[in-house]
């Protein structure tokens, strides 16, 4: 069963800022970044338990092409995935885990 998704506002900001930055580096790269993230989110929504737990109840999905990790929690009862952050791996990891 496919889960619904809710984003932390900062996760949406991170996603948008990264997409813009990549597009400024090379035309079409921002679109490629968005496709990569969207595909990974689709995988999460289909099988959220396939991704490893990290801290508390958070899970992480690593992207291969770009240095980003998607940090999320799963509410199995409500069939919902909460995306805490779309996090660049070079940043301080303390900011990855955000509450809704």
N, C-alpha and C. Protein backbone atom coordinates (compact mmCIF):
# COMPACT_ATOMS: atom_id res chain seq x y z
N UNK A 1 0.84 -1.19 0.00
CA UNK A 1 0.00 0.00 0.00
C UNK A 1 0.88 1.24 0.00
N UNK A 2 0.50 2.22 -0.78
CA UNK A 2 1.25 3.47 -0.86
C UNK A 2 0.87 4.38 0.30
N UNK A 3 1.86 4.95 0.92
CA UNK A 3 1.67 5.87 2.03
C UNK A 3 1.48 7.29 1.50
N UNK A 4 0.85 8.14 2.30
CA UNK A 4 0.79 9.57 1.98
C UNK A 4 2.05 10.22 2.55
N UNK A 5 2.31 11.46 2.15
CA UNK A 5 3.54 12.12 2.58
C UNK A 5 3.24 13.51 3.12
N UNK A 6 3.97 13.88 4.17
CA UNK A 6 3.93 15.22 4.73
C UNK A 6 5.37 15.68 4.86
N UNK A 7 5.64 16.93 4.47
CA UNK A 7 6.99 17.49 4.54
C UNK A 7 7.08 18.51 5.66
N UNK A 8 8.19 18.49 6.37
CA UNK A 8 8.52 19.60 7.26
C UNK A 8 8.78 20.80 6.35
N UNK A 9 8.36 22.01 6.72
CA UNK A 9 8.60 23.18 5.87
C UNK A 9 10.07 23.38 5.50
N UNK A 10 10.96 23.08 6.40
CA UNK A 10 12.39 23.22 6.11
C UNK A 10 12.85 22.20 5.07
N UNK A 11 12.24 21.02 5.07
CA UNK A 11 12.60 20.01 4.07
C UNK A 11 12.23 20.51 2.67
N UNK A 12 11.08 21.14 2.55
CA UNK A 12 10.68 21.72 1.27
C UNK A 12 11.62 22.83 0.84
N UNK A 13 12.06 23.64 1.81
CA UNK A 13 12.99 24.72 1.51
C UNK A 13 14.34 24.15 1.05
N UNK A 14 14.80 23.12 1.72
CA UNK A 14 16.07 22.48 1.34
C UNK A 14 15.98 21.91 -0.08
N UNK A 15 14.88 21.28 -0.37
CA UNK A 15 14.65 20.68 -1.69
C UNK A 15 14.67 21.75 -2.78
N UNK A 16 13.95 22.82 -2.56
CA UNK A 16 13.88 23.91 -3.53
C UNK A 16 15.24 24.60 -3.72
N UNK A 17 15.90 24.90 -2.61
CA UNK A 17 17.20 25.58 -2.68
C UNK A 17 18.23 24.73 -3.41
N UNK A 18 18.24 23.44 -3.14
CA UNK A 18 19.21 22.56 -3.81
C UNK A 18 18.92 22.47 -5.31
N UNK A 19 17.65 22.37 -5.64
CA UNK A 19 17.26 22.30 -7.05
C UNK A 19 17.70 23.56 -7.80
N UNK A 20 17.47 24.71 -7.21
CA UNK A 20 17.87 25.98 -7.82
C UNK A 20 19.39 26.04 -7.96
N UNK A 21 20.11 25.64 -6.92
CA UNK A 21 21.57 25.69 -6.94
C UNK A 21 22.11 24.80 -8.07
N UNK A 22 21.60 23.57 -8.17
CA UNK A 22 22.07 22.67 -9.22
C UNK A 22 21.75 23.21 -10.61
N UNK A 23 20.58 23.82 -10.77
CA UNK A 23 20.20 24.37 -12.07
C UNK A 23 21.11 25.54 -12.45
N UNK A 24 21.54 26.32 -11.46
CA UNK A 24 22.47 27.42 -11.72
C UNK A 24 23.85 26.91 -12.13
N UNK A 25 24.21 25.73 -11.67
CA UNK A 25 25.52 25.17 -12.01
C UNK A 25 25.55 24.68 -13.46
N UNK A 26 24.44 24.07 -13.87
CA UNK A 26 24.36 23.54 -15.23
C UNK A 26 22.89 23.36 -15.60
N UNK A 27 22.53 23.86 -16.75
CA UNK A 27 21.14 23.76 -17.20
C UNK A 27 20.71 22.30 -17.27
N UNK A 28 19.58 21.99 -16.67
CA UNK A 28 19.04 20.64 -16.65
C UNK A 28 19.43 19.83 -15.42
N UNK A 29 20.47 20.27 -14.71
CA UNK A 29 20.93 19.52 -13.54
C UNK A 29 19.93 19.63 -12.39
N UNK A 30 19.27 20.77 -12.27
CA UNK A 30 18.24 20.93 -11.23
C UNK A 30 17.08 19.98 -11.45
N UNK A 31 16.69 19.81 -12.72
CA UNK A 31 15.61 18.87 -13.07
C UNK A 31 16.05 17.44 -12.74
N UNK A 32 17.29 17.13 -13.05
CA UNK A 32 17.82 15.79 -12.74
C UNK A 32 17.82 15.54 -11.23
N UNK A 33 18.20 16.56 -10.46
CA UNK A 33 18.16 16.45 -9.00
C UNK A 33 16.73 16.18 -8.53
N UNK A 34 15.77 16.94 -9.04
CA UNK A 34 14.37 16.77 -8.64
C UNK A 34 13.88 15.36 -8.96
N UNK A 35 14.22 14.85 -10.13
CA UNK A 35 13.81 13.49 -10.50
C UNK A 35 14.41 12.46 -9.54
N UNK A 36 15.66 12.66 -9.19
CA UNK A 36 16.33 11.73 -8.27
C UNK A 36 15.63 11.71 -6.92
N UNK A 37 15.36 12.90 -6.39
CA UNK A 37 14.69 13.00 -5.09
C UNK A 37 13.27 12.45 -5.17
N UNK A 38 12.53 12.81 -6.22
CA UNK A 38 11.16 12.34 -6.39
C UNK A 38 11.10 10.81 -6.52
N UNK A 39 12.04 10.22 -7.25
CA UNK A 39 12.09 8.76 -7.37
C UNK A 39 12.36 8.10 -6.03
N UNK A 40 13.26 8.68 -5.26
CA UNK A 40 13.57 8.11 -3.95
C UNK A 40 12.37 8.24 -3.02
N UNK A 41 11.67 9.38 -3.06
CA UNK A 41 10.46 9.54 -2.24
C UNK A 41 9.40 8.52 -2.65
N UNK A 42 9.28 8.26 -3.93
CA UNK A 42 8.34 7.25 -4.41
C UNK A 42 8.68 5.87 -3.84
N UNK A 43 9.96 5.54 -3.82
CA UNK A 43 10.40 4.27 -3.22
C UNK A 43 10.04 4.22 -1.74
N UNK A 44 10.26 5.34 -1.05
CA UNK A 44 9.93 5.41 0.37
C UNK A 44 8.44 5.17 0.58
N UNK A 45 7.59 5.81 -0.23
CA UNK A 45 6.15 5.70 -0.06
C UNK A 45 5.63 4.30 -0.35
N UNK A 46 6.32 3.55 -1.20
CA UNK A 46 5.90 2.19 -1.50
C UNK A 46 6.38 1.19 -0.44
N UNK A 47 7.60 1.37 0.05
CA UNK A 47 8.16 0.43 1.04
C UNK A 47 8.99 1.17 2.08
N UNK A 48 8.36 1.93 2.96
CA UNK A 48 9.13 2.72 3.93
C UNK A 48 9.96 1.87 4.91
N UNK A 49 9.50 0.67 5.21
CA UNK A 49 10.24 -0.16 6.17
C UNK A 49 11.51 -0.76 5.57
N UNK A 50 11.73 -0.59 4.27
CA UNK A 50 12.93 -1.12 3.62
C UNK A 50 14.17 -0.29 3.94
N UNK A 51 13.98 0.89 4.49
CA UNK A 51 15.10 1.78 4.77
C UNK A 51 15.48 1.68 6.25
N UNK A 52 16.77 1.75 6.54
CA UNK A 52 17.22 1.51 7.92
C UNK A 52 16.84 2.62 8.90
N UNK A 53 16.54 2.18 10.12
CA UNK A 53 16.31 3.15 11.20
C UNK A 53 17.66 3.70 11.64
N UNK A 54 17.66 4.98 11.99
CA UNK A 54 18.91 5.59 12.42
C UNK A 54 18.81 6.07 13.87
N UNK A 55 18.04 7.08 14.11
CA UNK A 55 17.95 7.66 15.44
C UNK A 55 16.48 7.71 15.85
N UNK A 56 16.19 7.18 17.01
CA UNK A 56 14.80 7.05 17.47
C UNK A 56 14.02 6.29 16.41
N UNK A 57 12.99 6.89 15.88
CA UNK A 57 12.18 6.21 14.87
C UNK A 57 12.43 6.74 13.47
N UNK A 58 13.47 7.54 13.31
CA UNK A 58 13.79 8.09 11.99
C UNK A 58 14.45 7.03 11.11
N UNK A 59 14.20 7.17 9.82
CA UNK A 59 14.83 6.32 8.81
C UNK A 59 15.53 7.23 7.81
N UNK A 60 16.45 6.64 7.05
CA UNK A 60 17.18 7.43 6.05
C UNK A 60 17.20 6.70 4.71
N UNK A 61 17.03 7.49 3.65
CA UNK A 61 17.15 6.97 2.29
C UNK A 61 18.24 7.79 1.60
N UNK A 62 19.27 7.12 1.17
CA UNK A 62 20.42 7.79 0.55
C UNK A 62 20.22 7.84 -0.96
N UNK A 63 20.51 9.00 -1.54
CA UNK A 63 20.48 9.10 -3.00
C UNK A 63 21.88 8.76 -3.53
N UNK A 64 21.93 8.15 -4.67
CA UNK A 64 23.22 7.72 -5.22
C UNK A 64 23.90 8.82 -6.04
N UNK A 65 23.15 9.53 -6.84
CA UNK A 65 23.74 10.49 -7.76
C UNK A 65 24.15 11.79 -7.10
N UNK A 66 23.39 12.21 -6.12
CA UNK A 66 23.63 13.47 -5.43
C UNK A 66 23.92 13.19 -3.95
N UNK A 67 24.74 14.04 -3.30
CA UNK A 67 25.11 13.79 -1.91
C UNK A 67 24.03 14.21 -0.92
N UNK A 68 22.86 13.58 -1.01
CA UNK A 68 21.73 13.91 -0.16
C UNK A 68 21.17 12.66 0.48
N UNK A 69 20.58 12.86 1.64
CA UNK A 69 19.87 11.80 2.33
C UNK A 69 18.49 12.34 2.70
N UNK A 70 17.47 11.52 2.55
CA UNK A 70 16.11 11.90 2.93
C UNK A 70 15.83 11.26 4.28
N UNK A 71 15.57 12.09 5.27
CA UNK A 71 15.32 11.63 6.64
C UNK A 71 13.82 11.67 6.87
N UNK A 72 13.26 10.55 7.36
CA UNK A 72 11.81 10.49 7.51
C UNK A 72 11.39 9.57 8.65
N UNK A 73 10.13 9.73 9.06
CA UNK A 73 9.48 8.86 10.04
C UNK A 73 8.26 8.24 9.37
N UNK A 74 7.85 7.10 9.89
CA UNK A 74 6.69 6.40 9.34
C UNK A 74 5.62 6.26 10.42
N UNK A 75 4.40 6.60 10.07
CA UNK A 75 3.24 6.33 10.92
C UNK A 75 2.46 5.24 10.22
N UNK A 76 2.68 3.99 10.63
CA UNK A 76 2.08 2.84 9.96
C UNK A 76 0.56 2.82 10.11
N UNK A 77 0.07 3.23 11.25
CA UNK A 77 -1.39 3.23 11.48
C UNK A 77 -2.11 4.13 10.49
N UNK A 78 -1.56 5.32 10.29
CA UNK A 78 -2.20 6.30 9.39
C UNK A 78 -1.67 6.20 7.96
N UNK A 79 -0.75 5.27 7.72
CA UNK A 79 -0.14 5.09 6.41
C UNK A 79 0.43 6.41 5.89
N UNK A 80 1.26 7.04 6.75
CA UNK A 80 1.82 8.34 6.41
C UNK A 80 3.33 8.34 6.65
N UNK A 81 4.03 9.02 5.75
CA UNK A 81 5.47 9.25 5.88
C UNK A 81 5.67 10.74 6.11
N UNK A 82 6.44 11.06 7.14
CA UNK A 82 6.77 12.45 7.47
C UNK A 82 8.23 12.68 7.10
N UNK A 83 8.50 13.54 6.12
CA UNK A 83 9.87 13.83 5.71
C UNK A 83 10.40 15.00 6.53
N UNK A 84 11.38 14.69 7.35
CA UNK A 84 11.98 15.66 8.26
C UNK A 84 12.95 16.57 7.53
N UNK A 85 13.77 15.99 6.65
CA UNK A 85 14.73 16.82 5.92
C UNK A 85 15.21 16.12 4.65
N UNK A 86 15.62 16.95 3.72
CA UNK A 86 16.33 16.51 2.51
C UNK A 86 17.70 17.12 2.68
N UNK A 87 18.60 16.33 3.18
CA UNK A 87 19.80 16.79 3.85
C UNK A 87 21.07 16.55 3.04
N UNK A 88 21.83 17.61 2.80
CA UNK A 88 23.13 17.47 2.13
C UNK A 88 24.10 16.83 3.11
N UNK A 89 24.80 15.81 2.66
CA UNK A 89 25.62 15.00 3.56
C UNK A 89 26.86 15.71 4.11
N UNK A 90 27.21 16.86 3.55
CA UNK A 90 28.38 17.58 4.07
C UNK A 90 28.02 18.50 5.24
N UNK A 91 26.74 18.66 5.51
CA UNK A 91 26.32 19.54 6.61
C UNK A 91 26.42 18.83 7.96
N UNK A 92 26.34 19.62 9.02
CA UNK A 92 26.34 19.09 10.38
C UNK A 92 25.09 18.23 10.57
N UNK A 93 25.24 16.96 10.94
CA UNK A 93 24.09 16.06 11.02
C UNK A 93 23.11 16.38 12.15
N UNK A 94 23.44 17.30 13.03
CA UNK A 94 22.51 17.63 14.12
C UNK A 94 21.20 18.21 13.61
N UNK A 95 21.20 18.81 12.42
CA UNK A 95 20.00 19.43 11.89
C UNK A 95 19.10 18.50 11.08
N UNK A 96 19.45 17.23 11.02
CA UNK A 96 18.67 16.29 10.19
C UNK A 96 17.32 15.95 10.77
N UNK A 97 17.23 15.90 12.07
CA UNK A 97 16.02 15.36 12.72
C UNK A 97 15.14 16.49 13.24
N UNK A 98 14.00 16.65 12.58
CA UNK A 98 13.08 17.72 12.96
C UNK A 98 11.71 17.13 13.26
N UNK A 99 11.05 17.71 14.24
CA UNK A 99 9.70 17.29 14.57
C UNK A 99 8.69 18.09 13.78
N UNK A 100 7.58 17.46 13.51
CA UNK A 100 6.50 18.14 12.79
C UNK A 100 5.80 19.14 13.67
